[in-house]
PDB file of N, CA and C in Angstrom:
ATOM      1  N   MET A   1     -31.324   1.175 -19.165  1.00  0.00           N
ATOM      2  CA  MET A   1     -32.295   1.504 -17.961  1.00  0.00           C
ATOM      3  C   MET A   1     -31.342   1.024 -16.712  1.00  0.00           C
ATOM      4  N   ALA A   2     -30.650  -0.036 -17.007  1.00  0.00           N
ATOM      5  CA  ALA A   2     -29.865  -0.218 -15.551  1.00  0.00           C
ATOM      6  C   ALA A   2     -28.991   0.897 -15.248  1.00  0.00           C
ATOM      7  N   GLY A   3     -28.474   1.402 -16.212  1.00  0.00           N
ATOM      8  CA  GLY A   3     -27.377   2.401 -16.180  1.00  0.00           C
ATOM      9  C   GLY A   3     -28.203   3.720 -15.702  1.00  0.00           C
ATOM     10  N   GLU A   4     -29.439   4.061 -16.196  1.00  0.00           N
ATOM     11  CA  GLU A   4     -29.911   5.251 -15.620  1.00  0.00           C
ATOM     12  C   GLU A   4     -30.379   4.994 -14.181  1.00  0.00           C
ATOM     13  N   TRP A   5     -30.618   3.829 -13.774  1.00  0.00           N
ATOM     14  CA  TRP A   5     -30.943   3.645 -12.151  1.00  0.00           C
ATOM     15  C   TRP A   5     -29.586   3.779 -11.241  1.00  0.00           C
ATOM     16  N   MET A   6     -28.336   3.109 -12.227  1.00  0.00           N
ATOM     17  CA  MET A   6     -27.105   3.371 -11.327  1.00  0.00           C
ATOM     18  C   MET A   6     -26.839   4.914 -11.121  1.00  0.00           C
ATOM     19  N   LEU A   7     -26.851   5.828 -12.167  1.00  0.00           N
ATOM     20  CA  LEU A   7     -26.651   6.931 -12.103  1.00  0.00           C
ATOM     21  C   LEU A   7     -27.576   7.700 -10.699  1.00  0.00           C
ATOM     22  N   ASP A   8     -28.845   7.378 -10.917  1.00  0.00           N
ATOM     23  CA  ASP A   8     -29.736   7.675  -9.903  1.00  0.00           C
ATOM     24  C   ASP A   8     -29.491   7.562  -8.474  1.00  0.00           C
ATOM     25  N   GLN A   9     -28.780   6.299  -8.362  1.00  0.00           N
ATOM     26  CA  GLN A   9     -28.429   5.917  -6.887  1.00  0.00           C
ATOM     27  C   GLN A   9     -27.119   6.751  -6.729  1.00  0.00           C
ATOM     28  N   MET A  10     -26.255   6.881  -7.521  1.00  0.00           N
ATOM     29  CA  MET A  10     -24.872   7.916  -7.319  1.00  0.00           C
ATOM     30  C   MET A  10     -25.341   9.135  -7.096  1.00  0.00           C
ATOM     31  N   HIS A  11     -26.267   9.983  -7.813  1.00  0.00           N
ATOM     32  CA  HIS A  11     -26.741  11.028  -7.618  1.00  0.00           C
ATOM     33  C   HIS A  11     -27.407  11.437  -6.295  1.00  0.00           C
ATOM     34  N   SER A  12     -27.970  10.457  -6.003  1.00  0.00           N
ATOM     35  CA  SER A  12     -28.923  10.437  -4.731  1.00  0.00           C
ATOM     36  C   SER A  12     -28.206  10.525  -3.503  1.00  0.00           C
ATOM     37  N   ARG A  13     -27.058   9.882  -3.444  1.00  0.00           N
ATOM     38  CA  ARG A  13     -26.008   9.749  -2.444  1.00  0.00           C
ATOM     39  C   ARG A  13     -25.612  11.345  -2.093  1.00  0.00           C
ATOM     40  N   GLY A  14     -25.407  12.065  -3.094  1.00  0.00           N
ATOM     41  CA  GLY A  14     -24.770  13.272  -2.748  1.00  0.00           C
ATOM     42  C   GLY A  14     -23.578  13.552  -2.294  1.00  0.00           C
ATOM     43  N   GLY A  15     -22.957  14.499  -2.211  1.00  0.00           N
ATOM     44  CA  GLY A  15     -21.501  14.735  -2.137  1.00  0.00           C
ATOM     45  C   GLY A  15     -20.618  14.731  -3.240  1.00  0.00           C
ATOM     46  N   LYS A  16     -19.280  15.137  -3.105  1.00  0.00           N
ATOM     47  CA  LYS A  16     -18.566  15.128  -4.077  1.00  0.00           C
ATOM     48  C   LYS A  16     -18.016  13.681  -4.738  1.00  0.00           C
ATOM     49  N   PRO A  17     -17.684  13.721  -5.808  1.00  0.00           N
ATOM     50  CA  PRO A  17     -17.092  12.423  -6.322  1.00  0.00           C
ATOM     51  C   PRO A  17     -15.840  12.060  -5.584  1.00  0.00           C
ATOM     52  N   ASN A  18     -14.787  12.993  -5.383  1.00  0.00           N
ATOM     53  CA  ASN A  18     -13.618  12.772  -4.721  1.00  0.00           C
ATOM     54  C   ASN A  18     -13.925  12.212  -2.969  1.00  0.00           C
ATOM     55  N   GLU A  19     -15.119  12.278  -2.581  1.00  0.00           N
ATOM     56  CA  GLU A  19     -15.537  11.778  -1.430  1.00  0.00           C
ATOM     57  C   GLU A  19     -15.906  10.349  -1.291  1.00  0.00           C
ATOM     58  N   TYR A  20     -15.705   9.734  -2.532  1.00  0.00           N
ATOM     59  CA  TYR A  20     -16.210   8.331  -2.391  1.00  0.00           C
ATOM     60  C   TYR A  20     -14.999   7.595  -2.288  1.00  0.00           C
ATOM     61  N   ALA A  21     -14.011   7.503  -3.197  1.00  0.00           N
ATOM     62  CA  ALA A  21     -12.880   6.575  -2.876  1.00  0.00           C
ATOM     63  C   ALA A  21     -11.750   7.534  -3.626  1.00  0.00           C
ATOM     64  N   ASP A  22     -10.527   7.517  -3.194  1.00  0.00           N
ATOM     65  CA  ASP A  22      -9.370   7.981  -3.805  1.00  0.00           C
ATOM     66  C   ASP A  22      -8.017   7.493  -3.416  1.00  0.00           C
ATOM     67  N   LEU A  23      -6.908   7.856  -3.928  1.00  0.00           N
ATOM     68  CA  LEU A  23      -5.618   7.398  -3.696  1.00  0.00           C
ATOM     69  C   LEU A  23      -5.266   8.583  -2.451  1.00  0.00           C
ATOM     70  N   VAL A  24      -4.555   8.081  -1.602  1.00  0.00           N
ATOM     71  CA  VAL A  24      -3.577   8.572  -0.691  1.00  0.00           C
ATOM     72  C   VAL A  24      -2.700   8.517  -0.472  1.00  0.00           C
ATOM     73  N   PHE A  25      -1.767   9.336   0.305  1.00  0.00           N
ATOM     74  CA  PHE A  25      -0.116   8.933   0.552  1.00  0.00           C
ATOM     75  C   PHE A  25      -0.048   9.228   2.110  1.00  0.00           C
ATOM     76  N   GLY A  26       0.717   8.153   2.419  1.00  0.00           N
ATOM     77  CA  GLY A  26       0.964   8.546   3.993  1.00  0.00           C
ATOM     78  C   GLY A  26       2.458   8.004   4.115  1.00  0.00           C
ATOM     79  N   LYS A  27       2.821   8.234   5.405  1.00  0.00           N
ATOM     80  CA  LYS A  27       4.179   7.623   5.871  1.00  0.00           C
ATOM     81  C   LYS A  27       4.102   6.629   7.117  1.00  0.00           C
ATOM     82  N   VAL A  28       4.645   5.276   7.178  1.00  0.00           N
ATOM     83  CA  VAL A  28       4.389   4.737   8.299  1.00  0.00           C
ATOM     84  C   VAL A  28       5.141   5.415   9.648  1.00  0.00           C
ATOM     85  N   VAL A  29       4.655   5.689  10.642  1.00  0.00           N
ATOM     86  CA  VAL A  29       5.259   6.086  11.871  1.00  0.00           C
ATOM     87  C   VAL A  29       5.806   5.224  12.748  1.00  0.00           C
ATOM     88  N   SER A  30       4.940   3.969  12.573  1.00  0.00           N
ATOM     89  CA  SER A  30       4.904   3.034  13.620  1.00  0.00           C
ATOM     90  C   SER A  30       4.568   1.715  13.156  1.00  0.00           C
ATOM     91  N   THR A  31       5.239   0.541  13.501  1.00  0.00           N
ATOM     92  CA  THR A  31       4.906  -1.027  12.930  1.00  0.00           C
ATOM     93  C   THR A  31       4.218  -1.872  13.940  1.00  0.00           C
ATOM     94  N   SER A  32       4.261  -1.436  15.058  1.00  0.00           N
ATOM     95  CA  SER A  32       3.826  -2.165  16.171  1.00  0.00           C
ATOM     96  C   SER A  32       3.650  -1.486  17.364  1.00  0.00           C
ATOM     97  N   PRO A  33       2.322  -0.794  17.271  1.00  0.00           N
ATOM     98  CA  PRO A  33       1.109  -1.433  16.481  1.00  0.00           C
ATOM     99  C   PRO A  33       1.169  -0.461  15.168  1.00  0.00           C
ATOM    100  N   LEU A  34       0.795  -1.035  14.105  1.00  0.00           N
ATOM    101  CA  LEU A  34       0.884  -0.081  12.906  1.00  0.00           C
ATOM    102  C   LEU A  34       0.148   1.341  12.758  1.00  0.00           C
ATOM    103  N   LYS A  35       1.053   2.406  12.643  1.00  0.00           N
ATOM    104  CA  LYS A  35       0.560   3.684  12.749  1.00  0.00           C
ATOM    105  C   LYS A  35       0.824   4.234  11.372  1.00  0.00           C
ATOM    106  N   VAL A  36      -0.135   4.914  10.533  1.00  0.00           N
ATOM    107  CA  VAL A  36       0.447   5.580   9.172  1.00  0.00           C
ATOM    108  C   VAL A  36       0.017   7.038   9.105  1.00  0.00           C
ATOM    109  N   GLN A  37       0.650   7.881   9.155  1.00  0.00           N
ATOM    110  CA  GLN A  37       0.484   9.433   9.049  1.00  0.00           C
ATOM    111  C   GLN A  37       0.062  10.137   7.790  1.00  0.00           C
ATOM    112  N   LEU A  38      -1.011  10.515   7.582  1.00  0.00           N
ATOM    113  CA  LEU A  38      -1.544  11.080   6.591  1.00  0.00           C
ATOM    114  C   LEU A  38      -1.487  12.365   6.575  1.00  0.00           C
ATOM    115  N   SER A  39      -1.659  13.338   7.295  1.00  0.00           N
ATOM    116  CA  SER A  39      -1.329  14.535   7.222  1.00  0.00           C
ATOM    117  C   SER A  39      -0.693  14.939   8.825  1.00  0.00           C
ATOM    118  N   ASN A  40      -0.478  16.357   9.023  1.00  0.00           N
ATOM    119  CA  ASN A  40       0.199  16.582  10.373  1.00  0.00           C
ATOM    120  C   ASN A  40      -0.704  16.070  11.618  1.00  0.00           C
ATOM    121  N   SER A  41      -2.145  16.188  11.142  1.00  0.00           N
ATOM    122  CA  SER A  41      -2.887  16.091  12.464  1.00  0.00           C
ATOM    123  C   SER A  41      -3.801  14.723  12.191  1.00  0.00           C
ATOM    124  N   MET A  42      -3.541  13.865  11.196  1.00  0.00           N
ATOM    125  CA  MET A  42      -4.222  12.695  11.193  1.00  0.00           C
ATOM    126  C   MET A  42      -3.420  11.457  11.128  1.00  0.00           C
ATOM    127  N   ILE A  43      -3.327  10.411  12.187  1.00  0.00           N
ATOM    128  CA  ILE A  43      -2.362   9.353  12.048  1.00  0.00           C
ATOM    129  C   ILE A  43      -3.681   8.180  12.159  1.00  0.00           C
ATOM    130  N   LEU A  44      -3.448   7.284  11.184  1.00  0.00           N
ATOM    131  CA  LEU A  44      -4.519   6.174  11.027  1.00  0.00           C
ATOM    132  C   LEU A  44      -3.692   5.075  12.090  1.00  0.00           C
ATOM    133  N   THR A  45      -4.593   4.187  12.764  1.00  0.00           N
ATOM    134  CA  THR A  45      -4.166   3.277  13.426  1.00  0.00           C
ATOM    135  C   THR A  45      -4.482   1.774  12.561  1.00  0.00           C
ATOM    136  N   ASP A  46      -3.962   0.536  13.089  1.00  0.00           N
ATOM    137  CA  ASP A  46      -4.331  -0.751  12.329  1.00  0.00           C
ATOM    138  C   ASP A  46      -5.753  -0.918  12.277  1.00  0.00           C
ATOM    139  N   ASN A  47      -6.593  -0.373  12.947  1.00  0.00           N
ATOM    140  CA  ASN A  47      -8.204  -0.860  13.027  1.00  0.00           C
ATOM    141  C   ASN A  47      -8.610  -0.080  11.777  1.00  0.00           C
ATOM    142  N   PHE A  48      -7.944   0.609  11.045  1.00  0.00           N
ATOM    143  CA  PHE A  48      -8.649   1.297   9.684  1.00  0.00           C
ATOM    144  C   PHE A  48      -7.836   0.991   8.457  1.00  0.00           C
ATOM    145  N   ILE A  49      -6.586  -0.096   8.784  1.00  0.00           N
ATOM    146  CA  ILE A  49      -6.010  -0.402   7.457  1.00  0.00           C
ATOM    147  C   ILE A  49      -5.666  -1.689   7.243  1.00  0.00           C
ATOM    148  N   THR A  50      -5.962  -1.941   5.967  1.00  0.00           N
ATOM    149  CA  THR A  50      -5.996  -3.446   5.446  1.00  0.00           C
ATOM    150  C   THR A  50      -4.436  -3.351   4.441  1.00  0.00           C
ATOM    151  N   LEU A  51      -3.584  -4.604   4.635  1.00  0.00           N
ATOM    152  CA  LEU A  51      -2.307  -4.316   4.195  1.00  0.00           C
ATOM    153  C   LEU A  51      -2.531  -5.404   2.660  1.00  0.00           C
ATOM    154  N   GLY A  52      -2.329  -4.900   1.615  1.00  0.00           N
ATOM    155  CA  GLY A  52      -2.113  -5.306   0.280  1.00  0.00           C
ATOM    156  C   GLY A  52      -0.815  -6.264   0.105  1.00  0.00           C
ATOM    157  N   LEU A  53      -0.823  -7.478  -0.588  1.00  0.00           N
ATOM    158  CA  LEU A  53       0.391  -8.301  -0.876  1.00  0.00           C
ATOM    159  C   LEU A  53       1.669  -7.495  -0.834  1.00  0.00           C
ATOM    160  N   HIS A  54       1.720  -6.353  -1.568  1.00  0.00           N
ATOM    161  CA  HIS A  54       3.157  -5.667  -1.776  1.00  0.00           C
ATOM    162  C   HIS A  54       3.376  -4.665  -0.465  1.00  0.00           C
ATOM    163  N   ALA A  55       2.738  -4.909   0.635  1.00  0.00           N
ATOM    164  CA  ALA A  55       3.106  -4.276   2.051  1.00  0.00           C
ATOM    165  C   ALA A  55       3.346  -5.367   3.126  1.00  0.00           C
ATOM    166  N   THR A  56       3.474  -6.801   2.789  1.00  0.00           N
ATOM    167  CA  THR A  56       3.533  -7.736   3.593  1.00  0.00           C
ATOM    168  C   THR A  56       4.847  -8.844   3.378  1.00  0.00           C
ATOM    169  N   LYS A  57       5.185  -9.588   4.042  1.00  0.00           N
ATOM    170  CA  LYS A  57       5.915 -10.749   3.754  1.00  0.00           C
ATOM    171  C   LYS A  57       5.115 -11.735   3.206  1.00  0.00           C
ATOM    172  N   HIS A  58       5.654 -12.400   2.222  1.00  0.00           N
ATOM    173  CA  HIS A  58       4.798 -13.539   1.330  1.00  0.00           C
ATOM    174  C   HIS A  58       5.620 -14.379   0.597  1.00  0.00           C
ATOM    175  N   LYS A  59       5.111 -15.454   0.251  1.00  0.00           N
ATOM    176  CA  LYS A  59       5.681 -16.211  -0.559  1.00  0.00           C
ATOM    177  C   LYS A  59       5.111 -16.405  -2.043  1.00  0.00           C
ATOM    178  N   VAL A  60       6.017 -16.597  -2.955  1.00  0.00           N
ATOM    179  CA  VAL A  60       5.837 -16.540  -4.283  1.00  0.00           C
ATOM    180  C   VAL A  60       6.570 -17.751  -4.977  1.00  0.00           C
ATOM    181  N   LYS A  61       5.857 -18.376  -5.857  1.00  0.00           N
ATOM    182  CA  LYS A  61       6.750 -19.719  -6.561  1.00  0.00           C
ATOM    183  C   LYS A  61       7.212 -19.078  -7.733  1.00  0.00           C
ATOM    184  N   VAL A  62       8.375 -19.433  -8.154  1.00  0.00           N
ATOM    185  CA  VAL A  62       9.369 -19.069  -9.189  1.00  0.00           C
ATOM    186  C   VAL A  62       9.755 -20.203  -9.880  1.00  0.00           C
ATOM    187  N   LYS A  63       9.627 -20.229 -11.135  1.00  0.00           N
ATOM    188  CA  LYS A  63      10.105 -21.024 -12.115  1.00  0.00           C
ATOM    189  C   LYS A  63      11.362 -20.637 -12.775  1.00  0.00           C
ATOM    190  N   TYR A  64      12.164 -21.543 -13.131  1.00  0.00           N
ATOM    191  CA  TYR A  64      13.431 -21.321 -13.803  1.00  0.00           C
ATOM    192  C   TYR A  64      14.100 -22.248 -14.257  1.00  0.00           C
ATOM    193  N   LYS A  65      15.148 -22.065 -15.396  1.00  0.00           N
ATOM    194  CA  LYS A  65      15.909 -22.907 -15.583  1.00  0.00           C
ATOM    195  C   LYS A  65      17.563 -22.739 -14.959  1.00  0.00           C
ATOM    196  N   ASP A  66      17.715 -23.982 -14.658  1.00  0.00           N
ATOM    197  CA  ASP A  66      19.155 -23.817 -14.181  1.00  0.00           C
ATOM    198  C   ASP A  66      20.224 -23.800 -15.083  1.00  0.00           C
ATOM    199  N   ARG A  67      21.194 -22.819 -15.119  1.00  0.00           N
ATOM    200  CA  ARG A  67      22.074 -22.729 -16.203  1.00  0.00           C
ATOM    201  C   ARG A  67      23.360 -23.796 -16.266  1.00  0.00           C
ATOM    202  N   THR A  68      23.480 -24.523 -14.938  1.00  0.00           N
ATOM    203  CA  THR A  68      24.387 -25.688 -15.106  1.00  0.00           C
ATOM    204  C   THR A  68      23.594 -26.840 -15.595  1.00  0.00           C
ATOM    205  N   ASP A  69      22.239 -26.936 -15.633  1.00  0.00           N
ATOM    206  CA  ASP A  69      21.639 -28.177 -16.205  1.00  0.00           C
ATOM    207  C   ASP A  69      21.555 -28.039 -17.692  1.00  0.00           C
ATOM    208  N   THR A  70      21.857 -28.908 -18.362  1.00  0.00           N
ATOM    209  CA  THR A  70      22.006 -28.939 -19.810  1.00  0.00           C
ATOM    210  C   THR A  70      20.523 -29.470 -20.636  1.00  0.00           C
ATOM    211  N   SER A  71      19.936 -30.003 -19.757  1.00  0.00           N
ATOM    212  CA  SER A  71      18.395 -30.297 -20.255  1.00  0.00           C
ATOM    213  C   SER A  71      17.442 -29.175 -19.947  1.00  0.00           C
ATOM    214  N   ASP A  72      16.266 -29.309 -20.750  1.00  0.00           N
ATOM    215  CA  ASP A  72      15.434 -28.006 -20.628  1.00  0.00           C
ATOM    216  C   ASP A  72      14.461 -28.081 -19.381  1.00  0.00           C
ATOM    217  N   ASN A  73      14.703 -29.053 -18.614  1.00  0.00           N
ATOM    218  CA  ASN A  73      14.008 -28.914 -17.545  1.00  0.00           C
ATOM    219  C   ASN A  73      13.672 -27.496 -16.452  1.00  0.00           C
ATOM    220  N   GLU A  74      12.416 -27.203 -16.088  1.00  0.00           N
ATOM    221  CA  GLU A  74      12.478 -26.127 -15.323  1.00  0.00           C
ATOM    222  C   GLU A  74      12.166 -26.533 -13.737  1.00  0.00           C
ATOM    223  N   ARG A  75      12.860 -25.792 -13.098  1.00  0.00           N
ATOM    224  CA  ARG A  75      12.708 -25.923 -11.681  1.00  0.00           C
ATOM    225  C   ARG A  75      11.690 -24.946 -11.045  1.00  0.00           C
ATOM    226  N   THR A  76      11.104 -25.306  -9.984  1.00  0.00           N
ATOM    227  CA  THR A  76       9.853 -24.300  -9.414  1.00  0.00           C
ATOM    228  C   THR A  76      10.737 -24.622  -7.899  1.00  0.00           C
ATOM    229  N   GLU A  77      10.619 -23.278  -7.215  1.00  0.00           N
ATOM    230  CA  GLU A  77      11.165 -23.257  -6.030  1.00  0.00           C
ATOM    231  C   GLU A  77      10.072 -21.915  -5.380  1.00  0.00           C
ATOM    232  N   GLU A  78       9.945 -22.149  -3.953  1.00  0.00           N
ATOM    233  CA  GLU A  78       8.988 -20.971  -3.090  1.00  0.00           C
ATOM    234  C   GLU A  78      10.001 -20.249  -2.651  1.00  0.00           C
ATOM    235  N   VAL A  79       9.838 -18.847  -2.602  1.00  0.00           N
ATOM    236  CA  VAL A  79      10.525 -18.016  -2.465  1.00  0.00           C
ATOM    237  C   VAL A  79      10.092 -16.885  -1.450  1.00  0.00           C
ATOM    238  N   GLU A  80      10.664 -16.593  -0.222  1.00  0.00           N
ATOM    239  CA  GLU A  80       9.658 -15.660   0.550  1.00  0.00           C
ATOM    240  C   GLU A  80      10.398 -14.076   0.126  1.00  0.00           C
ATOM    241  N   VAL A  81       9.520 -13.300   0.032  1.00  0.00           N
ATOM    242  CA  VAL A  81       9.621 -12.078  -0.395  1.00  0.00           C
ATOM    243  C   VAL A  81       9.113 -10.991   0.738  1.00  0.00           C
ATOM    244  N   ASP A  82       9.979 -10.393   1.221  1.00  0.00           N
ATOM    245  CA  ASP A  82       9.673  -9.444   2.614  1.00  0.00           C
ATOM    246  C   ASP A  82       9.584  -7.933   1.977  1.00  0.00           C
ATOM    247  N   GLU A  83       8.306  -7.651   1.988  1.00  0.00           N
ATOM    248  CA  GLU A  83       7.974  -6.354   1.645  1.00  0.00           C
ATOM    249  C   GLU A  83       7.493  -5.303   2.663  1.00  0.00           C
ATOM    250  N   SER A  84       7.529  -6.169   4.016  1.00  0.00           N
ATOM    251  CA  SER A  84       7.162  -5.494   4.979  1.00  0.00           C
ATOM    252  C   SER A  84       7.316  -4.018   5.267  1.00  0.00           C
ATOM    253  N   LEU A  85       6.234  -3.487   6.020  1.00  0.00           N
ATOM    254  CA  LEU A  85       6.595  -1.977   6.264  1.00  0.00           C
ATOM    255  C   LEU A  85       7.608  -1.754   7.318  1.00  0.00           C
ATOM    256  N   LYS A  86       8.101  -0.522   7.376  1.00  0.00           N
ATOM    257  CA  LYS A  86       9.123   0.051   8.278  1.00  0.00           C
ATOM    258  C   LYS A  86       8.585   1.229   8.590  1.00  0.00           C
ATOM    259  N   ALA A  87       8.980   1.695   9.823  1.00  0.00           N
ATOM    260  CA  ALA A  87       8.984   3.048  10.301  1.00  0.00           C
ATOM    261  C   ALA A  87       9.714   3.823   9.007  1.00  0.00           C
ATOM    262  N   GLY A  88       9.150   5.033   8.510  1.00  0.00           N
ATOM    263  CA  GLY A  88       9.629   5.807   7.652  1.00  0.00           C
ATOM    264  C   GLY A  88       9.362   5.494   6.076  1.00  0.00           C
ATOM    265  N   ASP A  89       8.727   4.374   5.988  1.00  0.00           N
ATOM    266  CA  ASP A  89       8.379   3.835   4.656  1.00  0.00           C
ATOM    267  C   ASP A  89       7.124   4.974   4.059  1.00  0.00           C
ATOM    268  N   GLY A  90       7.199   5.130   2.868  1.00  0.00           N
ATOM    269  CA  GLY A  90       5.907   6.033   2.384  1.00  0.00           C
ATOM    270  C   GLY A  90       4.884   4.853   1.687  1.00  0.00           C
ATOM    271  N   VAL A  91       3.647   4.975   1.637  1.00  0.00           N
ATOM    272  CA  VAL A  91       2.829   4.248   1.379  1.00  0.00           C
ATOM    273  C   VAL A  91       1.475   4.832   0.616  1.00  0.00           C
ATOM    274  N   VAL A  92       1.196   4.217  -0.427  1.00  0.00           N
ATOM    275  CA  VAL A  92       0.030   4.558  -1.347  1.00  0.00           C
ATOM    276  C   VAL A  92      -1.036   3.756  -0.829  1.00  0.00           C
ATOM    277  N   MET A  93      -2.341   4.297  -0.654  1.00  0.00           N
ATOM    278  CA  MET A  93      -3.465   3.703   0.074  1.00  0.00           C
ATOM    279  C   MET A  93      -4.556   4.191  -0.845  1.00  0.00           C
ATOM    280  N   ILE A  94      -5.672   3.244  -0.695  1.00  0.00           N
ATOM    281  CA  ILE A  94      -6.919   3.679  -1.306  1.00  0.00           C
ATOM    282  C   ILE A  94      -7.741   3.680  -0.121  1.00  0.00           C
ATOM    283  N   ARG A  95      -8.353   4.903  -0.053  1.00  0.00           N
ATOM    284  CA  ARG A  95      -9.352   5.542   0.870  1.00  0.00           C
ATOM    285  C   ARG A  95     -10.746   4.941   0.596  1.00  0.00           C
ATOM    286  N   SER A  96     -11.402   4.240   1.323  1.00  0.00           N
ATOM    287  CA  SER A  96     -12.804   3.640   0.994  1.00  0.00           C
ATOM    288  C   SER A  96     -13.656   4.819   1.119  1.00  0.00           C
ATOM    289  N   ASP A  97     -14.984   4.317   0.388  1.00  0.00           N
ATOM    290  CA  ASP A  97     -16.097   5.246   0.850  1.00  0.00           C
ATOM    291  C   ASP A  97     -16.089   5.924   2.048  1.00  0.00           C
ATOM    292  N   GLY A  98     -16.238   6.980   2.172  1.00  0.00           N
ATOM    293  CA  GLY A  98     -16.349   7.967   3.875  1.00  0.00           C
ATOM    294  C   GLY A  98     -14.990   7.795   4.576  1.00  0.00           C
ATOM    295  N   GLY A  99     -14.030   7.463   3.983  1.00  0.00           N
ATOM    296  CA  GLY A  99     -12.632   7.620   4.819  1.00  0.00           C
ATOM    297  C   GLY A  99     -12.677   6.578   6.126  1.00  0.00           C
ATOM    298  N   GLN A 100     -13.365   5.475   6.231  1.00  0.00           N
ATOM    299  CA  GLN A 100     -13.519   4.510   7.480  1.00  0.00           C
ATOM    300  C   GLN A 100     -12.605   3.641   7.226  1.00  0.00           C
ATOM    301  N   SER A 101     -12.241   3.287   6.169  1.00  0.00           N
ATOM    302  CA  SER A 101     -10.780   2.159   5.926  1.00  0.00           C
ATOM    303  C   SER A 101     -10.023   2.650   4.860  1.00  0.00           C
ATOM    304  N   PHE A 102      -8.644   2.093   4.849  1.00  0.00           N
ATOM    305  CA  PHE A 102      -7.669   2.173   3.988  1.00  0.00           C
ATOM    306  C   PHE A 102      -7.069   1.165   3.676  1.00  0.00           C
ATOM    307  N   PHE A 103      -6.775   0.785   2.226  1.00  0.00           N
ATOM    308  CA  PHE A 103      -6.152  -0.272   1.746  1.00  0.00           C
ATOM    309  C   PHE A 103      -4.885   0.046   1.231  1.00  0.00           C
ATOM    310  N   VAL A 104      -3.473  -0.423   1.916  1.00  0.00           N
ATOM    311  CA  VAL A 104      -2.534  -0.215   1.601  1.00  0.00           C
ATOM    312  C   VAL A 104      -2.103  -1.143   0.413  1.00  0.00           C
ATOM    313  N   LEU A 105      -1.763  -0.185  -0.722  1.00  0.00           N
ATOM    314  CA  LEU A 105      -1.647  -0.678  -2.175  1.00  0.00           C
ATOM    315  C   LEU A 105      -0.172  -1.433  -2.399  1.00  0.00           C
ATOM    316  N   GLU A 106       0.875  -0.323  -2.056  1.00  0.00           N
ATOM    317  CA  GLU A 106       2.154  -0.582  -1.932  1.00  0.00           C
ATOM    318  C   GLU A 106       2.905   0.619  -1.216  1.00  0.00           C
ATOM    319  N   LYS A 107       4.442   0.258  -1.289  1.00  0.00           N
ATOM    320  CA  LYS A 107       5.320   1.119  -0.717  1.00  0.00           C
ATOM    321  C   LYS A 107       5.765   2.290  -1.576  1.00  0.00           C
ATOM    322  N   THR A 108       6.213   3.387  -1.437  1.00  0.00           N
ATOM    323  CA  THR A 108       6.805   4.352  -2.431  1.00  0.00           C
ATOM    324  C   THR A 108       8.061   4.631  -2.097  1.00  0.00           C
ATOM    325  N   GLY A 109       8.627   3.999  -1.041  1.00  0.00           N
ATOM    326  CA  GLY A 109       9.896   4.455  -0.631  1.00  0.00           C
ATOM    327  C   GLY A 109      10.165   4.819   0.781  1.00  0.00           C
ATOM    328  N   GLY A 110      10.991   5.672   1.387  1.00  0.00           N
ATOM    329  CA  GLY A 110      10.921   6.217   2.724  1.00  0.00           C
ATOM    330  C   GLY A 110      12.337   6.819   2.747  1.00  0.00           C
ATOM    331  N   ASP A 111      12.775   6.557   4.113  1.00  0.00           N
ATOM    332  CA  ASP A 111      14.022   7.064   4.779  1.00  0.00           C
ATOM    333  C   ASP A 111      15.247   6.393   4.009  1.00  0.00           C
ATOM    334  N   GLU A 112      15.241   5.231   3.845  1.00  0.00           N
ATOM    335  CA  GLU A 112      16.372   4.442   3.598  1.00  0.00           C
ATOM    336  C   GLU A 112      17.509   4.739   2.729  1.00  0.00           C
TER     337      GLU A 112
END
C-alpha cells in the first residue's frame, strides 16, 4: 500500500526520470569565486554548488604502527588532506531535482 502511494506520487509529478537527479560532469573555471562550467553555455556559480569532502581541504585521523617502535603500540595523528579545487580540475556532481543545486562528489583530474 505504501509502495503504491509512493509510485502514485512519483507519477503525479510528471516529467522524465532523468529530470529528477543525475550525475553531471563539469570543469572548474575559477576558484574565487567558485565557477564550474557544465557546457559551452552554462557556468554554475557558488550559489548553486555544495562541496563534498573530496573537493575540500580537510583533516583525517590516521592510525599506524611506527616501524622503529618494537612494541605493538599504534599511534594516531591528525593529517591535513588538501583536495581543494583548482582551475582546470574536472568534477563529478549530482544535480538535484530541477537542476537548482549541485553537489560536488569528487575531482576527476584536469589540466595537471
